[in-house]
Amino acid sequence: MRCRGRRQRCSVRRSRCGGHGWSPCSTWPRAPWTWRSCCARALALRLDGNVAVSANGAKRVEDFYALGRGSVQVIHNGVPIAESTVVGPAPASRPNGEIVIGCVGRLDAVKGQDVLIDALPRLPGMRARLVGAGAEEAALRARATSLGVADRVELTGWTDQVSEQLRDVDIYCQPSRYETLGLALIEAMGHGLPCVASATGGVPELLDGGRCGRLVPVGDSAALAKAISRLASDPAAREQLGQRARKRTLAAFTADRMAARYESLWARVLAAPRPGGCGRTRRSPDRAGSGAVLRSLIGDRPQNVDPGRANRRQ
């Protein structure tokens, strides 16, 4: 994201945030160095601020573009959260105490829904609900059929009512092969759901090293099944993890906290512009003004988890 702020009459010069799509933080350990990469590095070196949404993402961008350690600031993504968003699992209300495993995200190889389907044969009495749409839908259906678990895999398709889909979920699963941070996972944590996720990218950071959720190796369906099975057999552990996850989300991953940190960054950039940067400061720092601009982007949204975009993530 680059912004000059002229329309808002504030002198924020330029900052850069990594966008979705190709990036050095992709599934591959080393993306090809291209002319675009050279241009991006040249620009990054002149910007007043470079921002990543996780420490892992910041490190990989710094390394790939040779920016120097500590040159990219971490500002975590956040979601609006309200007290009413907590959802509690209720397996006793289902036939035979069936456990429902939720997974939200576009149906794409990088999101790893196939790993969850591969784990299902080891999880009798459990059902997977995949919320989202994407190019891998047919392949996932075929995989479920070949493994004999098609009757226990529910593909909801695209929906903007993700909260409703999570309302009766017992365990949330994010088996992604890479996530810079994982907004869908943050939203599930905000719902107070116990989470099992791949230890990739910024996910360990999000789950506080495993204290707020179970971490498993990337692409390991056996380890995923084992972690889910242990939680399924221990309601007290599920409750405890869900409470920890929600508490961590409220403390570190809310939209208000994210907005405050960007406001602080903008104020610092305005107060001490980088010599030789891309722009020129035209007026004195206006912290209140820049903050109002940012708050206007999220202030009119209802203070509730808004996971309507979660199943269209990345």
Protein backbone atom coordinates (compact mmCIF):
# COMPACT_ATOMS: atom_id res chain seq x y z
CA MET A 1 0.00 0.00 0.00
CA ARG A 2 1.35 3.38 -0.90
CA CYS A 3 -0.35 6.56 0.15
CA ARG A 4 0.47 10.24 -0.07
CA GLY A 5 -2.59 11.39 1.86
CA ARG A 6 -3.09 14.52 -0.26
CA ARG A 7 -6.85 14.13 -0.40
CA GLN A 8 -6.96 14.03 3.36
CA ARG A 9 -4.55 17.00 3.55
CA CYS A 10 -2.04 15.09 5.61
CA SER A 11 1.58 14.69 4.70
CA VAL A 12 1.99 10.96 5.04
CA ARG A 13 4.59 10.36 2.40
CA ARG A 14 4.77 6.72 1.44
CA SER A 15 4.65 3.38 3.10
CA ARG A 16 4.65 -0.06 1.58
CA CYS A 17 2.74 -3.17 2.58
CA GLY A 18 3.11 -6.54 0.88
CA GLY A 19 0.07 -7.41 -1.18
CA HIS A 20 -1.53 -10.75 -1.89
CA GLY A 21 -0.38 -12.82 -4.80
CA TRP A 22 3.28 -13.26 -5.74
CA SER A 23 5.71 -12.32 -3.02
CA PRO A 24 8.94 -13.60 -1.53
CA CYS A 25 6.73 -15.00 1.24
CA SER A 26 5.15 -17.49 -1.12
CA THR A 27 5.06 -21.25 -0.79
CA TRP A 28 8.51 -21.58 -2.33
CA PRO A 29 11.62 -20.91 -0.24
CA ARG A 30 13.08 -18.63 -2.88
CA ALA A 31 11.07 -16.86 -5.56
CA PRO A 32 12.85 -15.87 -8.78
CA TRP A 33 14.70 -12.56 -8.80
CA THR A 34 13.14 -10.52 -11.58
CA TRP A 35 13.18 -6.99 -12.90
CA ARG A 36 10.08 -6.41 -10.81
CA SER A 37 12.02 -7.53 -7.73
CA CYS A 38 14.81 -5.08 -8.51
CA CYS A 39 12.33 -2.23 -8.89
CA ALA A 40 10.56 -3.21 -5.68
CA ARG A 41 13.85 -3.22 -3.74
CA ALA A 42 14.86 0.16 -5.15
CA LEU A 43 11.51 1.59 -4.09
CA ALA A 44 11.59 -0.04 -0.65
CA LEU A 45 14.97 1.53 0.06
CA ARG A 46 13.53 5.00 -0.56
CA LEU A 47 10.27 4.62 1.34
CA ASP A 48 9.65 6.15 4.73
CA GLY A 49 8.13 2.94 6.04
CA ASN A 50 7.97 -0.73 5.12
CA VAL A 51 5.36 -2.82 6.91
CA ALA A 52 4.70 -6.56 7.19
CA VAL A 53 1.83 -8.25 9.04
CA SER A 54 4.04 -10.76 10.90
CA ALA A 55 7.60 -11.09 12.12
CA ASN A 56 8.12 -14.03 9.78
CA GLY A 57 6.87 -11.99 6.82
CA ALA A 58 9.11 -9.06 7.78
CA LYS A 59 12.20 -11.27 8.01
CA ARG A 60 11.57 -12.90 4.64
CA VAL A 61 11.00 -9.56 2.91
CA GLU A 62 14.15 -8.12 4.53
CA ASP A 63 16.17 -11.13 3.41
CA PHE A 64 14.76 -11.35 -0.10
CA TYR A 65 15.16 -7.66 -0.88
CA ALA A 66 18.40 -7.32 1.16
CA LEU A 67 16.91 -4.46 3.15
CA GLY A 68 18.75 -5.13 6.40
CA ARG A 69 17.40 -6.61 9.60
CA GLY A 70 14.87 -4.41 11.39
CA SER A 71 14.04 -2.29 8.34
CA VAL A 72 10.51 -3.69 8.02
CA GLN A 73 8.11 -2.89 10.85
CA VAL A 74 5.57 -5.47 12.01
CA ILE A 75 1.97 -4.33 12.34
CA HIS A 76 -0.35 -7.28 12.78
CA ASN A 77 -3.63 -7.42 10.93
CA GLY A 78 -6.68 -7.05 13.11
CA VAL A 79 -10.40 -7.77 12.97
CA PRO A 80 -13.37 -6.03 14.64
CA ILE A 81 -14.51 -8.10 17.62
CA ALA A 82 -17.50 -7.79 19.94
CA GLU A 83 -18.54 -9.64 23.08
CA SER A 84 -21.35 -11.36 21.17
CA THR A 85 -19.00 -13.22 18.82
CA VAL A 86 -18.14 -16.09 21.15
CA VAL A 87 -19.50 -19.39 19.92
CA GLY A 88 -19.44 -22.50 22.05
CA PRO A 89 -19.20 -26.05 20.74
CA ALA A 90 -22.20 -28.22 21.45
CA PRO A 91 -21.36 -31.79 20.41
CA ALA A 92 -23.90 -33.22 22.85
CA SER A 93 -26.72 -31.85 20.70
CA ARG A 94 -25.63 -33.91 17.67
CA PRO A 95 -26.22 -37.58 16.99
CA ASN A 96 -23.56 -39.71 18.69
CA GLY A 97 -21.71 -36.57 19.83
CA GLU A 98 -20.31 -35.90 16.34
CA ILE A 99 -17.43 -33.41 16.22
CA VAL A 100 -17.46 -30.73 13.52
CA ILE A 101 -14.11 -29.42 12.23
CA GLY A 102 -14.29 -26.04 10.52
CA CYS A 103 -11.91 -24.66 7.89
CA VAL A 104 -12.35 -21.30 6.15
CA GLY A 105 -10.50 -20.10 3.07
CA ARG A 106 -10.40 -20.23 -0.68
CA LEU A 107 -10.14 -23.75 -2.07
CA ASP A 108 -6.54 -23.66 -3.20
CA ALA A 109 -3.54 -25.95 -2.79
CA VAL A 110 -1.72 -23.44 -0.57
CA LYS A 111 -4.62 -23.53 1.92
CA GLY A 112 -4.12 -27.28 2.49
CA GLN A 113 -7.73 -28.47 2.68
CA ASP A 114 -6.52 -31.68 1.05
CA VAL A 115 -4.40 -32.35 4.16
CA LEU A 116 -7.51 -32.14 6.34
CA ILE A 117 -9.38 -34.52 4.04
CA ASP A 118 -6.43 -36.94 4.19
CA ALA A 119 -6.67 -36.82 8.00
CA LEU A 120 -10.38 -37.71 8.12
CA PRO A 121 -10.00 -41.51 7.76
CA ARG A 122 -8.10 -41.36 11.08
CA LEU A 123 -10.90 -39.32 12.68
CA PRO A 124 -14.02 -41.50 12.98
CA GLY A 125 -17.12 -39.71 14.17
CA MET A 126 -15.91 -36.34 12.88
CA ARG A 127 -17.01 -34.19 9.97
CA ALA A 128 -15.12 -31.47 8.09
CA ARG A 129 -16.88 -28.30 6.99
CA LEU A 130 -14.91 -26.43 4.31
CA VAL A 131 -16.20 -22.88 3.94
CA GLY A 132 -15.14 -21.18 0.72
CA ALA A 133 -14.90 -21.56 -3.02
CA GLY A 134 -12.07 -22.01 -5.47
CA ALA A 135 -10.43 -23.90 -8.29
CA GLU A 136 -9.67 -26.97 -6.17
CA GLU A 137 -13.29 -27.80 -5.31
CA ALA A 138 -13.64 -30.66 -7.81
CA ALA A 139 -10.28 -32.13 -6.81
CA LEU A 140 -11.19 -32.00 -3.12
CA ARG A 141 -14.51 -33.74 -3.75
CA ALA A 142 -12.75 -36.44 -5.76
CA ARG A 143 -10.15 -36.89 -3.02
CA ALA A 144 -12.84 -37.28 -0.37
CA THR A 145 -14.61 -39.87 -2.50
CA SER A 146 -11.43 -41.86 -3.12
CA LEU A 147 -10.71 -41.96 0.62
CA GLY A 148 -14.27 -43.02 1.46
CA VAL A 149 -15.06 -39.90 3.51
CA ALA A 150 -17.24 -37.99 1.05
CA ASP A 151 -20.20 -38.31 3.43
CA ARG A 152 -18.17 -36.55 6.11
CA VAL A 153 -16.93 -33.62 4.01
CA GLU A 154 -19.22 -30.62 3.63
CA LEU A 155 -18.26 -27.97 1.08
CA THR A 156 -20.46 -24.94 1.67
CA GLY A 157 -19.30 -22.87 -1.28
CA TRP A 158 -18.89 -19.13 -1.05
CA THR A 159 -20.83 -17.35 1.68
CA ASP A 160 -20.68 -14.01 3.46
CA GLN A 161 -22.23 -15.57 6.59
CA VAL A 162 -19.12 -17.28 7.90
CA SER A 163 -20.09 -16.59 11.51
CA GLU A 164 -23.14 -18.76 11.03
CA GLN A 165 -21.03 -21.55 9.57
CA LEU A 166 -18.72 -21.41 12.60
CA ARG A 167 -21.50 -21.27 15.17
CA ASP A 168 -21.65 -25.04 15.74
CA VAL A 169 -18.01 -25.82 14.94
CA ASP A 170 -16.11 -27.62 17.70
CA ILE A 171 -12.53 -27.36 16.41
CA TYR A 172 -11.14 -24.92 13.87
CA CYS A 173 -8.42 -26.18 11.52
CA GLN A 174 -6.05 -24.15 9.31
CA PRO A 175 -3.83 -26.68 7.48
CA SER A 176 -2.27 -24.09 5.15
CA ARG A 177 1.06 -24.71 3.50
CA TYR A 178 1.88 -21.05 4.02
CA GLU A 179 0.22 -18.13 5.79
CA THR A 180 1.89 -14.79 6.35
CA LEU A 181 -0.50 -14.42 9.28
CA GLY A 182 -3.97 -15.81 8.56
CA LEU A 183 -7.02 -13.57 8.94
CA ALA A 184 -9.45 -16.49 8.89
CA LEU A 185 -7.53 -18.01 11.80
CA ILE A 186 -7.67 -14.71 13.71
CA GLU A 187 -11.42 -14.58 13.20
CA ALA A 188 -11.83 -18.15 14.45
CA MET A 189 -9.75 -17.29 17.51
CA GLY A 190 -11.96 -14.26 18.06
CA HIS A 191 -14.93 -16.62 18.11
CA GLY A 192 -13.30 -18.49 20.98
CA LEU A 193 -12.72 -21.68 18.99
CA PRO A 194 -9.89 -24.10 19.81
CA CYS A 195 -7.59 -24.09 16.80
CA VAL A 196 -5.22 -26.55 15.13
CA ALA A 197 -2.96 -25.08 12.45
CA SER A 198 0.17 -25.70 10.42
CA ALA A 199 3.35 -24.27 11.92
CA THR A 200 4.11 -22.08 8.93
CA GLY A 201 4.80 -18.41 8.31
CA GLY A 202 3.29 -16.17 10.97
CA VAL A 203 0.96 -18.82 12.41
CA PRO A 204 3.21 -19.82 15.34
CA GLU A 205 3.45 -16.12 16.18
CA LEU A 206 -0.32 -15.82 16.04
CA LEU A 207 -0.88 -18.85 18.27
CA ASP A 208 1.82 -17.69 20.69
CA GLY A 209 4.10 -20.63 20.00
CA GLY A 210 1.34 -23.17 20.60
CA ARG A 211 -0.02 -21.77 23.87
CA CYS A 212 -3.20 -20.54 22.18
CA GLY A 213 -3.66 -23.41 19.73
CA ARG A 214 -2.13 -26.66 18.53
CA LEU A 215 0.65 -26.48 15.93
CA VAL A 216 1.45 -29.33 13.53
CA PRO A 217 4.05 -29.78 10.76
CA VAL A 218 3.07 -28.53 7.32
CA GLY A 219 1.41 -31.17 5.14
CA ASP A 220 1.47 -33.87 7.85
CA SER A 221 -2.02 -35.38 7.85
CA ALA A 222 -1.11 -37.94 10.53
CA ALA A 223 0.06 -35.24 12.95
CA LEU A 224 -3.00 -33.16 12.12
CA ALA A 225 -5.32 -36.09 12.85
CA LYS A 226 -3.52 -36.78 16.14
CA ALA A 227 -3.84 -33.17 17.33
CA ILE A 228 -7.52 -32.98 16.38
CA SER A 229 -8.26 -36.36 17.98
CA ARG A 230 -6.69 -35.30 21.28
CA LEU A 231 -8.76 -32.13 21.38
CA ALA A 232 -11.93 -33.97 20.39
CA SER A 233 -11.53 -36.32 23.35
CA ASP A 234 -10.84 -33.51 25.84
CA PRO A 235 -13.67 -30.93 26.13
CA ALA A 236 -11.86 -29.15 28.96
CA ALA A 237 -8.78 -28.62 26.78
CA ARG A 238 -10.96 -27.30 23.96
CA GLU A 239 -12.58 -24.82 26.31
CA GLN A 240 -9.25 -23.67 27.70
CA LEU A 241 -7.65 -23.24 24.28
CA GLY A 242 -10.68 -21.35 22.99
CA GLN A 243 -10.55 -18.93 25.92
CA ARG A 244 -6.83 -18.37 25.46
CA ALA A 245 -7.28 -17.79 21.73
CA ARG A 246 -10.00 -15.21 22.23
CA LYS A 247 -8.04 -13.44 24.97
CA ARG A 248 -4.99 -13.21 22.72
CA THR A 249 -7.06 -11.89 19.83
CA LEU A 250 -8.60 -9.17 22.01
CA ALA A 251 -5.15 -8.22 23.29
CA ALA A 252 -3.19 -8.15 20.04
CA PHE A 253 -5.28 -8.61 16.88
CA THR A 254 -8.19 -6.16 16.93
CA ALA A 255 -8.93 -3.58 14.25
CA ASP A 256 -8.57 -0.78 16.82
CA ARG A 257 -5.09 -1.90 17.80
CA MET A 258 -4.05 -2.19 14.18
CA ALA A 259 -5.37 1.31 13.44
CA ALA A 260 -3.55 2.77 16.45
CA ARG A 261 -0.24 1.27 15.35
CA TYR A 262 -0.60 2.61 11.80
CA GLU A 263 -1.49 6.00 13.24
CA SER A 264 1.66 5.88 15.37
CA LEU A 265 3.75 4.92 12.34
CA TRP A 266 2.33 7.75 10.25
CA ALA A 267 2.96 10.28 13.04
CA ARG A 268 6.56 9.10 13.37
CA VAL A 269 7.12 9.33 9.62
CA LEU A 270 5.70 12.84 9.54
CA ALA A 271 7.81 13.94 12.48
CA ALA A 272 11.07 12.52 11.11
CA PRO A 273 10.94 12.06 7.33
CA ARG A 274 13.63 9.89 5.83
CA PRO A 275 16.41 11.87 4.12
CA GLY A 276 16.33 11.29 0.39
CA GLY A 277 12.92 9.63 0.51
CA CYS A 278 10.21 9.66 -2.11
CA GLY A 279 8.38 12.80 -1.06
CA ARG A 280 8.65 16.10 0.74
CA THR A 281 6.87 17.05 3.96
CA ARG A 282 4.45 19.85 3.13
CA ARG A 283 3.09 20.65 6.57
CA SER A 284 3.64 19.89 10.22
CA PRO A 285 2.58 16.48 11.54
CA ASP A 286 -1.15 16.17 12.06
CA ARG A 287 -1.57 13.08 14.17
CA ALA A 288 -5.25 13.70 14.84
CA GLY A 289 -5.92 14.24 11.15
CA SER A 290 -4.15 11.10 9.98
CA GLY A 291 -5.79 9.08 12.73
CA ALA A 292 -9.22 10.33 11.70
CA VAL A 293 -8.55 9.21 8.14
CA LEU A 294 -7.65 5.68 9.27
CA ARG A 295 -10.51 5.43 11.76
CA SER A 296 -12.94 6.51 9.05
CA LEU A 297 -11.99 3.39 7.10
CA ILE A 298 -13.11 1.07 9.90
CA GLY A 299 -15.24 3.25 12.16
CA ASP A 300 -18.51 2.70 10.35
CA ARG A 301 -18.15 -1.06 10.38
CA PRO A 302 -20.14 -2.88 13.05
CA GLN A 303 -17.99 -3.88 16.00
CA ASN A 304 -18.32 -7.54 15.36
CA VAL A 305 -16.11 -10.15 13.78
CA ASP A 306 -16.67 -9.64 10.09
CA PRO A 307 -15.46 -12.87 8.53
CA GLY A 308 -17.54 -12.33 5.38
CA ARG A 309 -14.32 -11.96 3.47
CA ALA A 310 -12.57 -14.79 5.27
CA ASN A 311 -13.59 -17.48 2.81
CA ARG A 312 -12.24 -15.32 -0.01
CA ARG A 313 -8.85 -14.90 1.69
CA GLN A 314 -5.79 -14.64 -0.49
